[in-house]
Amino acid sequence: MPSKIYYEIASKKSHFNPFQSFDHREFLCGWGAAGINIFLTFPIYKMIFRQMLHGVKIHTAFNQLRSEGLTFLYRGIGPPLMQKTLSLSVMFGVYDGVKKPAIEHFGINEYSAKCIAGIVAGSVEAILMPFERVQTILTDAAYHNKYKNTPHAFRMICSEFGWKELYRGMVPVLFRNGPSNAVFFILREEAIKLPHKEGIFHSNFHQFLSGALIGAFTSTLFYPLNVVKVVIQSKVGGNYENWLIVLREIYIKRDRSVRNVYKGLNMNCLRAAFSWGIMNAAYENLRILFY
């Protein structure tokens, strides 16, 4: 009997084609949901970014953006639009493509498969980090006169410092992406099981609310890594810094206060809730359209 079970498992593995496990519709749903979200939440992101970088209060960040005017409000949207649409496409597509065969072909239990799939998807996403890197630079007022736009920033950085400069801050990004994806998908799939009223409005509200709550929770949990990432990526050229040392320096510079390290958290929670709520609802509606 054990030999029969072993034979069945081995047979499944031998017939497993990893490329067939990826469904293009999952990639398309993630891509579309990200695009809708970016256009609606980018101004909020810019205020949070200024708080992360300078440790200022929300009204100071708002006044900075207001003084710069509408011309600069959407400056830097190119990289996140490209990066986030590709990133969410990879996130949902790779997650689904890894989780299904992990359960069906390799007999991994459901929650372990979700963790593995989330970490793999998050790690693959990190390949797109140059977009996030350039977005950070273009969003910082210190570089307004140095880099004209996204293509110019890419060209100048690569010519002056090489392509490796685009991956400055990779370690905190990897520590953020993998675990946060795993947490998000596990909680998201549990939330789907919760009872809710039938109908388009109630279904969309449930999807938005669950996405908002999970997004706010995961972004809060990994917020210090985002702060470190922003501070590291706001520098162009020079030595590559250890992210733990940078975190310690941020803590010391901000009066040795954990609360000050979390500057911008309130707006970040609001943005994450709104952002992931929109993405979750948009993703589910796009799945209905494509499936």
C-alpha atoms as a PDB file:
ATOM      1  CA  MET A   1       0.000   0.000   0.000  1.00  0.00           C
ATOM      2  CA  PRO A   2       2.730   2.564   0.872  1.00  0.00           C
ATOM      3  CA  SER A   3       4.532   1.693  -2.363  1.00  0.00           C
ATOM      4  CA  LYS A   4       1.319   2.359  -4.322  1.00  0.00           C
ATOM      5  CA  ILE A   5       0.931   5.811  -2.721  1.00  0.00           C
ATOM      6  CA  TYR A   6       4.598   6.579  -3.414  1.00  0.00           C
ATOM      7  CA  TYR A   7       4.134   5.528  -7.043  1.00  0.00           C
ATOM      8  CA  GLU A   8       1.100   7.828  -7.449  1.00  0.00           C
ATOM      9  CA  ILE A   9       2.991  10.818  -5.993  1.00  0.00           C
ATOM     10  CA  ALA A  10       6.051  10.095  -8.135  1.00  0.00           C
ATOM     11  CA  SER A  11       3.838   9.760 -11.192  1.00  0.00           C
ATOM     12  CA  LYS A  12       2.243  13.140 -10.524  1.00  0.00           C
ATOM     13  CA  LYS A  13       5.675  14.784 -10.138  1.00  0.00           C
ATOM     14  CA  SER A  14       7.003  13.219 -13.309  1.00  0.00           C
ATOM     15  CA  HIS A  15       4.070  14.584 -15.331  1.00  0.00           C
ATOM     16  CA  PHE A  16       4.291  18.024 -13.724  1.00  0.00           C
ATOM     17  CA  ASN A  17       4.987  20.899 -16.148  1.00  0.00           C
ATOM     18  CA  PRO A  18       5.718  24.087 -14.176  1.00  0.00           C
ATOM     19  CA  PHE A  19       4.840  26.353 -17.115  1.00  0.00           C
ATOM     20  CA  GLN A  20       1.335  24.895 -17.419  1.00  0.00           C
ATOM     21  CA  SER A  21       0.539  25.831 -13.814  1.00  0.00           C
ATOM     22  CA  PHE A  22       0.567  29.578 -14.592  1.00  0.00           C
ATOM     23  CA  ASP A  23      -2.743  31.055 -15.707  1.00  0.00           C
ATOM     24  CA  HIS A  24      -2.393  34.246 -17.810  1.00  0.00           C
ATOM     25  CA  ARG A  25      -5.762  35.477 -16.518  1.00  0.00           C
ATOM     26  CA  GLU A  26      -4.348  35.822 -12.999  1.00  0.00           C
ATOM     27  CA  PHE A  27      -1.565  38.038 -14.348  1.00  0.00           C
ATOM     28  CA  LEU A  28      -4.085  40.201 -16.237  1.00  0.00           C
ATOM     29  CA  CYS A  29      -6.350  40.614 -13.207  1.00  0.00           C
ATOM     30  CA  GLY A  30      -3.446  41.718 -11.018  1.00  0.00           C
ATOM     31  CA  TRP A  31      -2.200  44.135 -13.689  1.00  0.00           C
ATOM     32  CA  GLY A  32      -5.581  45.818 -14.139  1.00  0.00           C
ATOM     33  CA  ALA A  33      -6.313  46.092 -10.414  1.00  0.00           C
ATOM     34  CA  ALA A  34      -2.949  47.790  -9.801  1.00  0.00           C
ATOM     35  CA  GLY A  35      -3.472  50.346 -12.582  1.00  0.00           C
ATOM     36  CA  ILE A  36      -6.845  51.431 -11.184  1.00  0.00           C
ATOM     37  CA  ASN A  37      -5.368  51.794  -7.729  1.00  0.00           C
ATOM     38  CA  ILE A  38      -2.252  53.815  -8.676  1.00  0.00           C
ATOM     39  CA  PHE A  39      -4.181  56.639 -10.321  1.00  0.00           C
ATOM     40  CA  LEU A  40      -6.425  57.032  -7.267  1.00  0.00           C
ATOM     41  CA  THR A  41      -3.845  56.848  -4.471  1.00  0.00           C
ATOM     42  CA  PHE A  42      -0.612  58.414  -5.804  1.00  0.00           C
ATOM     43  CA  PRO A  43      -1.080  61.867  -4.146  1.00  0.00           C
ATOM     44  CA  ILE A  44      -1.563  60.173  -0.763  1.00  0.00           C
ATOM     45  CA  TYR A  45       1.612  58.164  -1.334  1.00  0.00           C
ATOM     46  CA  LYS A  46       3.606  61.348  -1.946  1.00  0.00           C
ATOM     47  CA  MET A  47       2.589  62.792   1.414  1.00  0.00           C
ATOM     48  CA  ILE A  48       3.555  59.574   3.200  1.00  0.00           C
ATOM     49  CA  PHE A  49       6.872  59.502   1.343  1.00  0.00           C
ATOM     50  CA  ARG A  50       7.759  62.982   2.582  1.00  0.00           C
ATOM     51  CA  GLN A  51       6.928  61.942   6.143  1.00  0.00           C
ATOM     52  CA  MET A  52       9.073  58.811   5.838  1.00  0.00           C
ATOM     53  CA  LEU A  53      12.025  60.662   4.372  1.00  0.00           C
ATOM     54  CA  HIS A  54      12.027  63.814   6.504  1.00  0.00           C
ATOM     55  CA  GLY A  55      10.145  62.694   9.637  1.00  0.00           C
ATOM     56  CA  VAL A  56       7.709  65.633   9.315  1.00  0.00           C
ATOM     57  CA  LYS A  57       4.060  65.879  10.308  1.00  0.00           C
ATOM     58  CA  ILE A  58       1.232  65.372   7.838  1.00  0.00           C
ATOM     59  CA  HIS A  59       0.340  69.081   7.511  1.00  0.00           C
ATOM     60  CA  THR A  60       3.988  69.884   6.686  1.00  0.00           C
ATOM     61  CA  ALA A  61       4.058  67.208   3.975  1.00  0.00           C
ATOM     62  CA  PHE A  62       0.739  68.495   2.606  1.00  0.00           C
ATOM     63  CA  ASN A  63       2.030  72.079   2.540  1.00  0.00           C
ATOM     64  CA  GLN A  64       5.165  70.946   0.684  1.00  0.00           C
ATOM     65  CA  LEU A  65       3.067  69.367  -2.070  1.00  0.00           C
ATOM     66  CA  ARG A  66       0.706  72.341  -2.213  1.00  0.00           C
ATOM     67  CA  SER A  67       3.603  74.795  -2.572  1.00  0.00           C
ATOM     68  CA  GLU A  68       5.041  72.697  -5.429  1.00  0.00           C
ATOM     69  CA  GLY A  69       1.734  72.873  -7.309  1.00  0.00           C
ATOM     70  CA  LEU A  70      -0.184  70.505  -9.601  1.00  0.00           C
ATOM     71  CA  THR A  71       2.746  70.350 -12.028  1.00  0.00           C
ATOM     72  CA  PHE A  72       4.697  68.167  -9.600  1.00  0.00           C
ATOM     73  CA  LEU A  73       1.755  66.364  -7.945  1.00  0.00           C
ATOM     74  CA  TYR A  74       1.901  63.374 -10.304  1.00  0.00           C
ATOM     75  CA  ARG A  75       5.633  63.649 -10.924  1.00  0.00           C
ATOM     76  CA  GLY A  76       7.095  60.200 -10.437  1.00  0.00           C
ATOM     77  CA  ILE A  77       3.885  58.307 -11.269  1.00  0.00           C
ATOM     78  CA  GLY A  78       5.550  56.617 -14.274  1.00  0.00           C
ATOM     79  CA  PRO A  79       7.714  54.161 -12.304  1.00  0.00           C
ATOM     80  CA  PRO A  80       4.968  53.042  -9.862  1.00  0.00           C
ATOM     81  CA  LEU A  81       2.490  52.741 -12.716  1.00  0.00           C
ATOM     82  CA  MET A  82       4.883  50.450 -14.584  1.00  0.00           C
ATOM     83  CA  GLN A  83       6.270  48.755 -11.490  1.00  0.00           C
ATOM     84  CA  LYS A  84       3.013  48.236  -9.590  1.00  0.00           C
ATOM     85  CA  THR A  85       1.030  46.953 -12.557  1.00  0.00           C
ATOM     86  CA  LEU A  86       3.818  44.479 -13.348  1.00  0.00           C
ATOM     87  CA  SER A  87       4.385  43.771  -9.650  1.00  0.00           C
ATOM     88  CA  LEU A  88       0.727  42.978  -8.883  1.00  0.00           C
ATOM     89  CA  SER A  89       0.524  40.973 -12.084  1.00  0.00           C
ATOM     90  CA  VAL A  90       3.517  38.907 -10.912  1.00  0.00           C
ATOM     91  CA  MET A  91       2.212  38.779  -7.340  1.00  0.00           C
ATOM     92  CA  PHE A  92      -1.160  37.230  -8.208  1.00  0.00           C
ATOM     93  CA  GLY A  93       0.035  35.212 -11.196  1.00  0.00           C
ATOM     94  CA  VAL A  94       3.097  33.648  -9.572  1.00  0.00           C
ATOM     95  CA  TYR A  95       1.268  33.057  -6.279  1.00  0.00           C
ATOM     96  CA  ASP A  96      -1.497  31.131  -8.037  1.00  0.00           C
ATOM     97  CA  GLY A  97       1.012  29.319 -10.258  1.00  0.00           C
ATOM     98  CA  VAL A  98       3.095  28.154  -7.281  1.00  0.00           C
ATOM     99  CA  LYS A  99       0.318  27.373  -4.792  1.00  0.00           C
ATOM    100  CA  LYS A 100      -1.762  25.059  -6.999  1.00  0.00           C
ATOM    101  CA  PRO A 101       1.017  22.629  -7.979  1.00  0.00           C
ATOM    102  CA  ALA A 102       2.438  22.736  -4.444  1.00  0.00           C
ATOM    103  CA  ILE A 103      -0.860  21.325  -3.171  1.00  0.00           C
ATOM    104  CA  GLU A 104      -1.944  19.180  -6.118  1.00  0.00           C
ATOM    105  CA  HIS A 105       1.378  17.724  -7.309  1.00  0.00           C
ATOM    106  CA  PHE A 106       3.646  17.811  -4.251  1.00  0.00           C
ATOM    107  CA  GLY A 107       1.129  17.154  -1.466  1.00  0.00           C
ATOM    108  CA  ILE A 108       2.121  20.219   0.596  1.00  0.00           C
ATOM    109  CA  ASN A 109      -0.549  21.261   3.092  1.00  0.00           C
ATOM    110  CA  GLU A 110      -2.632  24.296   2.222  1.00  0.00           C
ATOM    111  CA  TYR A 111      -1.153  26.866   4.619  1.00  0.00           C
ATOM    112  CA  SER A 112       2.451  25.847   3.952  1.00  0.00           C
ATOM    113  CA  ALA A 113       1.744  26.093   0.220  1.00  0.00           C
ATOM    114  CA  LYS A 114       0.322  29.606   0.691  1.00  0.00           C
ATOM    115  CA  CYS A 115       3.404  30.689   2.656  1.00  0.00           C
ATOM    116  CA  ILE A 116       5.794  29.271   0.045  1.00  0.00           C
ATOM    117  CA  ALA A 117       3.803  30.772  -2.844  1.00  0.00           C
ATOM    118  CA  GLY A 118       3.636  34.186  -1.153  1.00  0.00           C
ATOM    119  CA  ILE A 119       7.380  34.276  -0.459  1.00  0.00           C
ATOM    120  CA  VAL A 120       8.248  33.109  -3.988  1.00  0.00           C
ATOM    121  CA  ALA A 121       5.907  35.701  -5.540  1.00  0.00           C
ATOM    122  CA  GLY A 122       7.351  38.459  -3.346  1.00  0.00           C
ATOM    123  CA  SER A 123      10.919  37.492  -4.204  1.00  0.00           C
ATOM    124  CA  VAL A 124      10.175  37.450  -7.942  1.00  0.00           C
ATOM    125  CA  GLU A 125       8.563  40.893  -7.577  1.00  0.00           C
ATOM    126  CA  ALA A 126      11.888  42.254  -6.290  1.00  0.00           C
ATOM    127  CA  ILE A 127      13.275  41.967  -9.844  1.00  0.00           C
ATOM    128  CA  LEU A 128      11.148  45.033 -10.636  1.00  0.00           C
ATOM    129  CA  MET A 129      12.779  47.075  -7.870  1.00  0.00           C
ATOM    130  CA  PRO A 130      14.472  49.588 -10.251  1.00  0.00           C
ATOM    131  CA  PHE A 131      11.056  51.162 -10.856  1.00  0.00           C
ATOM    132  CA  GLU A 132      10.559  51.580  -7.114  1.00  0.00           C
ATOM    133  CA  ARG A 133      14.096  52.983  -6.851  1.00  0.00           C
ATOM    134  CA  VAL A 134      13.506  55.650  -9.524  1.00  0.00           C
ATOM    135  CA  GLN A 135      10.088  56.487  -8.056  1.00  0.00           C
ATOM    136  CA  THR A 136      11.772  57.248  -4.721  1.00  0.00           C
ATOM    137  CA  ILE A 137      14.269  59.579  -6.395  1.00  0.00           C
ATOM    138  CA  LEU A 138      11.667  61.412  -8.499  1.00  0.00           C
ATOM    139  CA  THR A 139       9.376  61.858  -5.502  1.00  0.00           C
ATOM    140  CA  ASP A 140      12.127  63.498  -3.453  1.00  0.00           C
ATOM    141  CA  ALA A 141      12.173  67.299  -3.976  1.00  0.00           C
ATOM    142  CA  ALA A 142      15.990  67.253  -3.697  1.00  0.00           C
ATOM    143  CA  TYR A 143      16.184  65.725  -7.200  1.00  0.00           C
ATOM    144  CA  HIS A 144      13.575  67.874  -8.973  1.00  0.00           C
ATOM    145  CA  ASN A 145      16.234  69.788 -10.912  1.00  0.00           C
ATOM    146  CA  LYS A 146      18.582  66.860 -11.530  1.00  0.00           C
ATOM    147  CA  TYR A 147      16.291  64.251 -13.085  1.00  0.00           C
ATOM    148  CA  LYS A 148      13.663  65.388 -15.599  1.00  0.00           C
ATOM    149  CA  ASN A 149      11.532  62.244 -15.821  1.00  0.00           C
ATOM    150  CA  THR A 150      11.616  58.463 -15.555  1.00  0.00           C
ATOM    151  CA  PRO A 151      13.659  57.664 -18.717  1.00  0.00           C
ATOM    152  CA  HIS A 152      16.115  60.453 -17.913  1.00  0.00           C
ATOM    153  CA  ALA A 153      16.589  59.190 -14.340  1.00  0.00           C
ATOM    154  CA  PHE A 154      17.189  55.624 -15.533  1.00  0.00           C
ATOM    155  CA  ARG A 155      19.671  56.785 -18.158  1.00  0.00           C
ATOM    156  CA  MET A 156      21.612  59.126 -15.854  1.00  0.00           C
ATOM    157  CA  ILE A 157      21.833  56.676 -12.936  1.00  0.00           C
ATOM    158  CA  CYS A 158      23.010  53.788 -15.118  1.00  0.00           C
ATOM    159  CA  SER A 159      25.568  55.907 -16.976  1.00  0.00           C
ATOM    160  CA  GLU A 160      26.998  57.444 -13.788  1.00  0.00           C
ATOM    161  CA  PHE A 161      26.823  54.536 -11.329  1.00  0.00           C
ATOM    162  CA  GLY A 162      25.930  51.387 -13.258  1.00  0.00           C
ATOM    163  CA  TRP A 163      22.835  49.169 -13.163  1.00  0.00           C
ATOM    164  CA  LYS A 164      23.590  47.937  -9.632  1.00  0.00           C
ATOM    165  CA  GLU A 165      22.623  51.373  -8.318  1.00  0.00           C
ATOM    166  CA  LEU A 166      19.031  50.624  -9.367  1.00  0.00           C
ATOM    167  CA  TYR A 167      18.986  47.764  -6.837  1.00  0.00           C
ATOM    168  CA  ARG A 168      20.139  49.802  -3.838  1.00  0.00           C
ATOM    169  CA  GLY A 169      17.999  48.736  -0.870  1.00  0.00           C
ATOM    170  CA  MET A 170      17.302  45.217  -2.167  1.00  0.00           C
ATOM    171  CA  VAL A 171      17.624  43.463   1.219  1.00  0.00           C
ATOM    172  CA  PRO A 172      14.832  45.354   3.063  1.00  0.00           C
ATOM    173  CA  VAL A 173      12.667  44.976  -0.051  1.00  0.00           C
ATOM    174  CA  LEU A 174      13.119  41.179   0.005  1.00  0.00           C
ATOM    175  CA  PHE A 175      12.387  41.019   3.741  1.00  0.00           C
ATOM    176  CA  ARG A 176       9.260  43.083   3.144  1.00  0.00           C
ATOM    177  CA  ASN A 177       7.904  41.494  -0.047  1.00  0.00           C
ATOM    178  CA  GLY A 178       7.990  37.771   0.709  1.00  0.00           C
ATOM    179  CA  PRO A 179       6.572  37.674   4.261  1.00  0.00           C
ATOM    180  CA  SER A 180       4.040  40.455   3.613  1.00  0.00           C
ATOM    181  CA  ASN A 181       2.715  38.612   0.537  1.00  0.00           C
ATOM    182  CA  ALA A 182       2.363  35.397   2.523  1.00  0.00           C
ATOM    183  CA  VAL A 183       0.465  37.200   5.318  1.00  0.00           C
ATOM    184  CA  PHE A 184      -1.747  39.031   2.803  1.00  0.00           C
ATOM    185  CA  PHE A 185      -2.800  35.936   0.843  1.00  0.00           C
ATOM    186  CA  ILE A 186      -3.430  33.783   3.906  1.00  0.00           C
ATOM    187  CA  LEU A 187      -5.666  36.444   5.498  1.00  0.00           C
ATOM    188  CA  ARG A 188      -7.314  37.298   2.181  1.00  0.00           C
ATOM    189  CA  GLU A 189      -8.357  33.725   1.478  1.00  0.00           C
ATOM    190  CA  GLU A 190      -9.690  33.360   5.011  1.00  0.00           C
ATOM    191  CA  ALA A 191     -11.692  36.586   4.581  1.00  0.00           C
ATOM    192  CA  ILE A 192     -13.265  35.247   1.371  1.00  0.00           C
ATOM    193  CA  LYS A 193     -14.780  32.416   3.411  1.00  0.00           C
ATOM    194  CA  LEU A 194     -16.543  34.819   5.793  1.00  0.00           C
ATOM    195  CA  PRO A 195     -20.328  35.034   5.295  1.00  0.00           C
ATOM    196  CA  HIS A 196     -21.741  38.142   3.601  1.00  0.00           C
ATOM    197  CA  LYS A 197     -24.967  39.180   1.909  1.00  0.00           C
ATOM    198  CA  GLU A 198     -25.588  38.322  -1.722  1.00  0.00           C
ATOM    199  CA  GLY A 199     -25.660  40.993  -4.411  1.00  0.00           C
ATOM    200  CA  ILE A 200     -23.137  43.107  -6.325  1.00  0.00           C
ATOM    201  CA  PHE A 201     -23.019  45.947  -3.775  1.00  0.00           C
ATOM    202  CA  HIS A 202     -22.590  43.696  -0.731  1.00  0.00           C
ATOM    203  CA  SER A 203     -20.050  41.510  -2.530  1.00  0.00           C
ATOM    204  CA  ASN A 204     -17.940  44.508  -3.588  1.00  0.00           C
ATOM    205  CA  PHE A 205     -18.207  46.069  -0.139  1.00  0.00           C
ATOM    206  CA  HIS A 206     -17.040  42.808   1.453  1.00  0.00           C
ATOM    207  CA  GLN A 207     -14.097  42.593  -0.951  1.00  0.00           C
ATOM    208  CA  PHE A 208     -13.155  46.239  -0.401  1.00  0.00           C
ATOM    209  CA  LEU A 209     -13.434  46.025   3.389  1.00  0.00           C
ATOM    210  CA  SER A 210     -11.467  42.785   3.711  1.00  0.00           C
ATOM    211  CA  GLY A 211      -8.757  44.082   1.372  1.00  0.00           C
ATOM    212  CA  ALA A 212      -8.618  47.380   3.282  1.00  0.00           C
ATOM    213  CA  LEU A 213      -8.250  45.764   6.703  1.00  0.00           C
ATOM    214  CA  ILE A 214      -5.654  43.228   5.569  1.00  0.00           C
ATOM    215  CA  GLY A 215      -3.696  45.841   3.624  1.00  0.00           C
ATOM    216  CA  ALA A 216      -3.626  48.223   6.599  1.00  0.00           C
ATOM    217  CA  PHE A 217      -2.491  45.425   8.908  1.00  0.00           C
ATOM    218  CA  THR A 218       0.334  44.132   6.689  1.00  0.00           C
ATOM    219  CA  SER A 219       1.611  47.617   5.828  1.00  0.00           C
ATOM    220  CA  THR A 220       1.707  48.510   9.535  1.00  0.00           C
ATOM    221  CA  LEU A 221       3.506  45.283  10.387  1.00  0.00           C
ATOM    222  CA  PHE A 222       6.262  45.924   7.837  1.00  0.00           C
ATOM    223  CA  TYR A 223       6.302  49.738   8.017  1.00  0.00           C
ATOM    224  CA  PRO A 224       9.847  50.100   9.505  1.00  0.00           C
ATOM    225  CA  LEU A 225      11.253  48.180   6.525  1.00  0.00           C
ATOM    226  CA  ASN A 226       9.586  50.694   4.208  1.00  0.00           C
ATOM    227  CA  VAL A 227      11.119  53.577   6.162  1.00  0.00           C
ATOM    228  CA  VAL A 228      14.585  52.009   5.867  1.00  0.00           C
ATOM    229  CA  LYS A 229      14.028  51.338   2.168  1.00  0.00           C
ATOM    230  CA  VAL A 230      13.021  54.955   1.492  1.00  0.00           C
ATOM    231  CA  VAL A 231      16.006  56.386   3.385  1.00  0.00           C
ATOM    232  CA  ILE A 232      18.480  54.050   1.630  1.00  0.00           C
ATOM    233  CA  GLN A 233      16.988  54.663  -1.820  1.00  0.00           C
ATOM    234  CA  SER A 234      16.898  58.456  -1.391  1.00  0.00           C
ATOM    235  CA  LYS A 235      20.691  58.426  -1.819  1.00  0.00           C
ATOM    236  CA  VAL A 236      22.359  58.158  -5.206  1.00  0.00           C
ATOM    237  CA  GLY A 237      25.960  56.925  -5.322  1.00  0.00           C
ATOM    238  CA  GLY A 238      28.330  56.225  -2.456  1.00  0.00           C
ATOM    239  CA  ASN A 239      28.774  53.151  -0.308  1.00  0.00           C
ATOM    240  CA  TYR A 240      26.051  50.548   0.033  1.00  0.00           C
ATOM    241  CA  GLU A 241      24.748  50.627   3.604  1.00  0.00           C
ATOM    242  CA  ASN A 242      23.693  47.771   5.848  1.00  0.00           C
ATOM    243  CA  TRP A 243      19.955  48.123   6.392  1.00  0.00           C
ATOM    244  CA  LEU A 244      20.188  47.313  10.119  1.00  0.00           C
ATOM    245  CA  ILE A 245      22.738  50.091  10.598  1.00  0.00           C
ATOM    246  CA  VAL A 246      20.478  52.488   8.685  1.00  0.00           C
ATOM    247  CA  LEU A 247      17.532  51.519  10.900  1.00  0.00           C
ATOM    248  CA  ARG A 248      19.642  52.218  13.991  1.00  0.00           C
ATOM    249  CA  GLU A 249      20.724  55.597  12.584  1.00  0.00           C
ATOM    250  CA  ILE A 250      17.111  56.534  11.856  1.00  0.00           C
ATOM    251  CA  TYR A 251      16.160  55.607  15.423  1.00  0.00           C
ATOM    252  CA  ILE A 252      19.011  57.725  16.883  1.00  0.00           C
ATOM    253  CA  LYS A 253      18.385  60.671  14.530  1.00  0.00           C
ATOM    254  CA  ARG A 254      14.709  60.732  15.481  1.00  0.00           C
ATOM    255  CA  ASP A 255      15.380  61.242  19.202  1.00  0.00           C
ATOM    256  CA  ARG A 256      15.601  57.498  19.953  1.00  0.00           C
ATOM    257  CA  SER A 257      11.832  57.303  19.648  1.00  0.00           C
ATOM    258  CA  VAL A 258      10.065  54.314  18.083  1.00  0.00           C
ATOM    259  CA  ARG A 259       7.072  56.582  17.582  1.00  0.00           C
ATOM    260  CA  ASN A 260       9.178  58.888  15.387  1.00  0.00           C
ATOM    261  CA  VAL A 261      10.379  55.924  13.327  1.00  0.00           C
ATOM    262  CA  TYR A 262       6.704  55.272  12.611  1.00  0.00           C
ATOM    263  CA  LYS A 263       6.120  58.867  11.389  1.00  0.00           C
ATOM    264  CA  GLY A 264       3.658  58.708   8.529  1.00  0.00           C
ATOM    265  CA  LEU A 265       2.017  55.513   9.803  1.00  0.00           C
ATOM    266  CA  ASN A 266      -1.463  57.041  10.083  1.00  0.00           C
ATOM    267  CA  MET A 267      -1.490  58.212   6.483  1.00  0.00           C
ATOM    268  CA  ASN A 268       0.175  54.970   5.417  1.00  0.00           C
ATOM    269  CA  CYS A 269      -2.633  52.956   7.028  1.00  0.00           C
ATOM    270  CA  LEU A 270      -5.203  55.145   5.284  1.00  0.00           C
ATOM    271  CA  ARG A 271      -3.461  54.796   1.935  1.00  0.00           C
ATOM    272  CA  ALA A 272      -2.912  51.042   2.370  1.00  0.00           C
ATOM    273  CA  ALA A 273      -6.534  50.493   3.396  1.00  0.00           C
ATOM    274  CA  PHE A 274      -7.859  52.526   0.479  1.00  0.00           C
ATOM    275  CA  SER A 275      -5.292  51.067  -1.932  1.00  0.00           C
ATOM    276  CA  TRP A 276      -5.684  47.377  -1.053  1.00  0.00           C
ATOM    277  CA  GLY A 277      -9.437  47.780  -0.727  1.00  0.00           C
ATOM    278  CA  ILE A 278      -9.618  49.094  -4.288  1.00  0.00           C
ATOM    279  CA  MET A 279      -7.199  46.457  -5.590  1.00  0.00           C
ATOM    280  CA  ASN A 280      -8.975  43.570  -3.903  1.00  0.00           C
ATOM    281  CA  ALA A 281     -12.397  44.644  -5.193  1.00  0.00           C
ATOM    282  CA  ALA A 282     -11.034  45.438  -8.670  1.00  0.00           C
ATOM    283  CA  TYR A 283      -9.184  42.108  -8.811  1.00  0.00           C
ATOM    284  CA  GLU A 284     -12.291  40.086  -7.933  1.00  0.00           C
ATOM    285  CA  ASN A 285     -14.389  41.973 -10.498  1.00  0.00           C
ATOM    286  CA  LEU A 286     -11.742  41.448 -13.164  1.00  0.00           C
ATOM    287  CA  ARG A 287     -11.702  37.727 -12.317  1.00  0.00           C
ATOM    288  CA  ILE A 288     -15.436  37.613 -12.989  1.00  0.00           C
ATOM    289  CA  LEU A 289     -14.825  39.365 -16.324  1.00  0.00           C
ATOM    290  CA  PHE A 290     -11.927  37.120 -17.445  1.00  0.00           C
ATOM    291  CA  TYR A 291     -13.229  33.822 -16.040  1.00  0.00           C
END
